[in-house]
Protein backbone atom coordinates (compact mmCIF):
# COMPACT_ATOMS: atom_id res chain seq x y z
CA MET A 1 -0.11 -0.30 0.00
CA THR A 2 1.49 3.41 -0.27
CA SER A 3 1.65 6.07 1.77
CA ARG A 4 -0.22 8.09 -0.19
CA ARG A 5 -3.63 5.43 0.18
CA ALA A 6 -2.65 5.03 4.29
CA GLY A 7 -3.15 8.35 4.84
CA GLU A 8 -6.57 8.70 2.87
CA LEU A 9 -7.57 5.77 4.39
CA ALA A 10 -6.23 6.66 8.20
CA ARG A 11 -8.44 10.47 7.91
CA ARG A 12 -11.31 8.00 6.19
CA ALA A 13 -11.42 6.30 9.66
CA TRP A 14 -10.62 9.13 11.52
CA ARG A 15 -13.92 10.44 10.50
CA ILE A 16 -16.14 8.22 10.59
CA ALA A 17 -14.69 7.32 14.23
CA ALA A 18 -15.38 11.29 15.31
CA VAL A 19 -19.30 10.62 14.23
CA PRO A 20 -20.81 8.22 17.12
CA VAL A 21 -18.67 10.63 19.33
CA GLY A 22 -19.65 13.73 18.37
CA LEU A 23 -23.40 12.83 17.82
CA ALA A 24 -22.77 11.13 21.51
CA ALA A 25 -22.35 15.22 22.29
CA LEU A 26 -25.26 16.54 20.91
CA LEU A 27 -27.50 14.17 21.84
CA GLY A 28 -26.57 14.35 25.62
CA ALA A 29 -26.74 17.52 25.36
CA CYS A 30 -30.76 17.33 23.86
CA GLN A 31 -31.30 15.57 27.45
CA SER A 32 -30.37 18.64 29.70
CA ARG A 33 -33.64 19.30 31.20
CA GLY A 34 -32.72 22.59 31.44
CA VAL A 35 -34.47 24.58 35.08
CA THR A 36 -36.74 22.76 36.65
CA PRO A 37 -39.86 23.94 38.57
CA THR A 38 -39.79 24.05 42.13
CA ALA A 39 -43.64 24.36 42.45
CA THR A 40 -46.51 24.61 40.06
CA THR A 41 -48.71 27.41 40.14
CA ALA A 42 -52.72 27.14 39.74
CA LEU A 43 -54.45 28.67 37.27
CA ARG A 44 -57.19 31.39 38.28
CA ASP A 45 -60.39 30.75 37.99
CA THR A 46 -60.95 32.17 34.61
CA ALA A 47 -64.54 34.15 33.90
CA ASP A 48 -66.88 32.24 31.66
CA GLN A 49 -68.39 35.34 29.93
CA VAL A 50 -66.09 38.81 30.29
CA MET A 51 -68.53 41.85 28.84
CA VAL A 52 -67.51 45.38 28.46
CA GLY A 53 -69.41 48.48 28.76
CA MET A 54 -72.24 46.11 30.72
CA SER A 55 -75.70 47.18 32.29
CA THR A 56 -78.30 45.00 33.85
CA ARG A 57 -81.48 46.06 35.94
CA ASN A 58 -82.42 43.01 38.75
CA TYR A 59 -85.78 42.72 39.81
CA GLU A 60 -87.47 41.02 42.09
CA GLN A 61 -91.51 40.19 41.99
CA GLY A 62 -91.52 42.29 38.90
CA MET A 63 -90.64 45.58 40.85
CA LEU A 64 -87.05 46.90 39.37
CA ARG A 65 -84.61 46.24 42.60
CA ASN A 66 -81.51 47.72 41.10
CA PHE A 67 -79.37 49.51 37.99
CA ILE A 68 -75.67 47.81 37.45
CA ASP A 69 -73.51 49.41 35.19
CA ALA A 70 -70.09 48.80 34.59
CA ASP A 71 -66.84 49.63 32.44
CA THR A 72 -66.04 46.11 32.92
CA ALA A 73 -67.87 42.51 33.94
CA HIS A 74 -66.00 39.14 34.53
CA PHE A 75 -69.39 36.73 34.88
CA PHE A 76 -68.21 33.33 37.01
CA GLN A 77 -70.77 30.36 36.28
CA ILE A 78 -69.85 28.06 38.95
CA ARG A 79 -69.52 30.65 41.59
CA GLN A 80 -73.19 32.16 40.24
CA THR A 81 -71.13 35.50 40.50
CA ALA A 82 -70.12 38.39 38.71
CA ASP A 83 -66.93 41.00 39.48
CA PHE A 84 -67.65 44.24 38.16
CA ARG A 85 -65.19 46.78 37.61
CA GLY A 86 -66.02 50.50 37.07
CA LEU A 87 -69.16 50.43 39.71
CA THR A 88 -72.27 52.04 38.93
CA MET A 89 -75.51 50.99 40.42
CA ARG A 90 -78.90 53.11 41.06
CA PHE A 91 -81.35 51.36 43.80
CA PHE A 92 -85.35 52.01 44.24
CA ASP A 93 -87.75 51.72 46.77
CA ALA A 94 -90.83 49.14 46.47
CA GLN A 95 -92.84 51.66 44.23
CA GLY A 96 -89.60 51.41 41.36
CA ASN A 97 -88.55 54.96 43.01
CA GLU A 98 -85.18 56.09 41.94
CA LYS A 99 -83.22 56.35 46.07
CA SER A 100 -79.02 56.47 45.76
CA THR A 101 -76.56 55.69 43.63
CA LEU A 102 -73.51 53.75 44.77
CA THR A 103 -70.28 53.92 42.20
CA ALA A 104 -67.02 51.87 42.99
CA GLN A 105 -63.71 51.13 41.89
CA ARG A 106 -64.89 47.34 42.43
CA GLY A 107 -68.29 45.16 42.89
CA LEU A 108 -69.22 41.30 43.36
CA TYR A 109 -72.50 39.95 42.73
CA ASN A 110 -73.45 36.86 44.34
CA SER A 111 -76.64 36.03 42.53
CA ILE A 112 -77.30 33.11 45.14
CA ASN A 113 -77.95 35.44 47.40
CA ASN A 114 -78.43 38.58 44.90
CA SER A 115 -75.75 40.92 46.87
CA LEU A 116 -73.02 43.50 46.13
CA ASP A 117 -70.05 43.54 48.25
CA ALA A 118 -68.78 47.10 46.80
CA ARG A 119 -64.86 47.92 47.80
CA GLY A 120 -62.51 50.70 46.89
CA ASN A 121 -63.80 54.82 47.23
CA VAL A 122 -67.17 53.36 47.76
CA ILE A 123 -69.07 56.38 47.28
CA LEU A 124 -73.03 56.49 48.04
CA ARG A 125 -75.54 59.48 47.34
CA SER A 126 -78.97 59.76 48.30
CA ASN A 127 -81.38 61.94 46.23
CA ASP A 128 -82.00 64.08 49.30
CA GLY A 129 -77.94 65.44 48.61
CA SER A 130 -76.47 63.00 51.27
CA VAL A 131 -73.68 61.89 50.66
CA LEU A 132 -71.64 58.29 52.45
CA ARG A 133 -67.77 57.92 51.50
CA THR A 134 -66.85 54.35 53.29
CA GLU A 135 -63.46 51.72 51.27
CA HIS A 136 -66.10 48.90 51.68
CA LEU A 137 -69.97 47.95 51.64
CA ILE A 138 -72.54 45.42 51.26
CA TYR A 139 -75.64 45.26 49.83
CA ASP A 140 -77.68 42.84 50.82
CA GLN A 141 -81.04 43.24 47.68
CA ALA A 142 -83.68 40.51 50.64
CA LEU A 143 -83.81 43.13 53.39
CA ASN A 144 -82.43 46.38 50.91
CA THR A 145 -80.09 47.35 53.71
CA ILE A 146 -76.63 48.40 53.09
CA LYS A 147 -74.09 47.93 55.62
CA SER A 148 -70.46 48.26 56.63
CA ASP A 149 -67.99 47.33 58.54
CA THR A 150 -65.17 49.94 58.13
CA ALA A 151 -64.70 53.46 58.61
CA PHE A 152 -67.21 55.60 57.31
CA VAL A 153 -67.77 59.47 55.89
CA PHE A 154 -71.01 60.59 56.08
CA ASP A 155 -72.14 63.75 54.90
CA SER A 156 -76.15 65.59 54.43
CA PRO A 157 -77.35 68.97 53.92
CA THR A 158 -78.09 68.82 57.55
CA GLU A 159 -75.46 66.12 59.68
CA HIS A 160 -71.86 65.69 59.79
CA LEU A 161 -71.41 61.47 60.70
CA THR A 162 -68.85 59.21 61.14
CA GLY A 163 -68.27 56.03 62.81
CA GLN A 164 -66.25 52.55 61.93
CA GLY A 165 -69.06 50.52 60.59
CA PHE A 166 -72.79 51.26 60.35
CA THR A 167 -76.17 49.07 59.09
CA SER A 168 -78.77 51.73 57.00
CA ASP A 169 -81.20 51.37 54.44
CA ILE A 170 -81.10 52.77 50.89
CA SER A 171 -81.87 55.65 51.43
CA ILE A 172 -79.60 56.30 54.47
CA ARG A 173 -82.86 57.84 57.14
CA ASN A 174 -82.68 54.66 59.54
CA VAL A 175 -78.97 54.20 60.39
CA ARG A 176 -77.77 52.54 62.43
CA VAL A 177 -73.44 53.21 63.88
CA VAL A 178 -70.67 51.32 65.74
CA GLN A 179 -69.12 54.16 67.40
CA PRO A 180 -70.71 57.44 65.81
CA ARG A 181 -69.65 60.34 66.09
CA GLY A 182 -70.82 63.74 64.67
CA GLN A 183 -72.90 67.20 64.08
CA GLN A 184 -76.96 67.61 63.65
CA ARG A 185 -77.19 70.90 62.20
CA GLY A 186 -81.49 70.11 62.26
CA ARG A 187 -83.59 68.13 62.50
CA GLY A 188 -81.83 65.25 61.46
CA ILE A 189 -81.17 60.91 61.15
CA ASP A 190 -82.11 59.20 64.33
CA LEU A 191 -78.61 57.25 65.69
CA GLU A 192 -78.91 54.19 67.37
CA ARG A 193 -76.63 52.48 69.15
CA PRO A 194 -76.34 48.72 68.51
């Protein structure tokens, strides 16, 4: 065999031997799993339906009880709740007269018991000019009442009232206050201590 032919055979043998070594290296690199998570994260409950610019009316025994407007509404069918953002809710009495309007950054409406849990810069304005401000307010449609367990400020043409919680009708006329403080400028409202 000539030295030229022997050199060519040696190079071919080297290439043939190098291919399995290179493949093994590549396959080994593909087996790397990278960073493995140490914990799993549960997915948030996703809404069954999302509405933008939503409006609805709620009736009870044929009578209009409230009218809801929201910038965005997320509906959850299994929980039977609606999560409203940019909420405005108008309340009506048994005769269908509008009594007050509530605005809040957010509201969670439960359609099982027809209650609303409003949070974030909650403002309730009654038709007589009274204004109630709080960070948290709960509306109970069955009792047609509102209540809060957080600090609030109430102003009307005749009084200024603060407290650590309250229960009231939707007109803000029959109020029960926790730790009341305030001033009355005329006839005003009657304060009851729980």
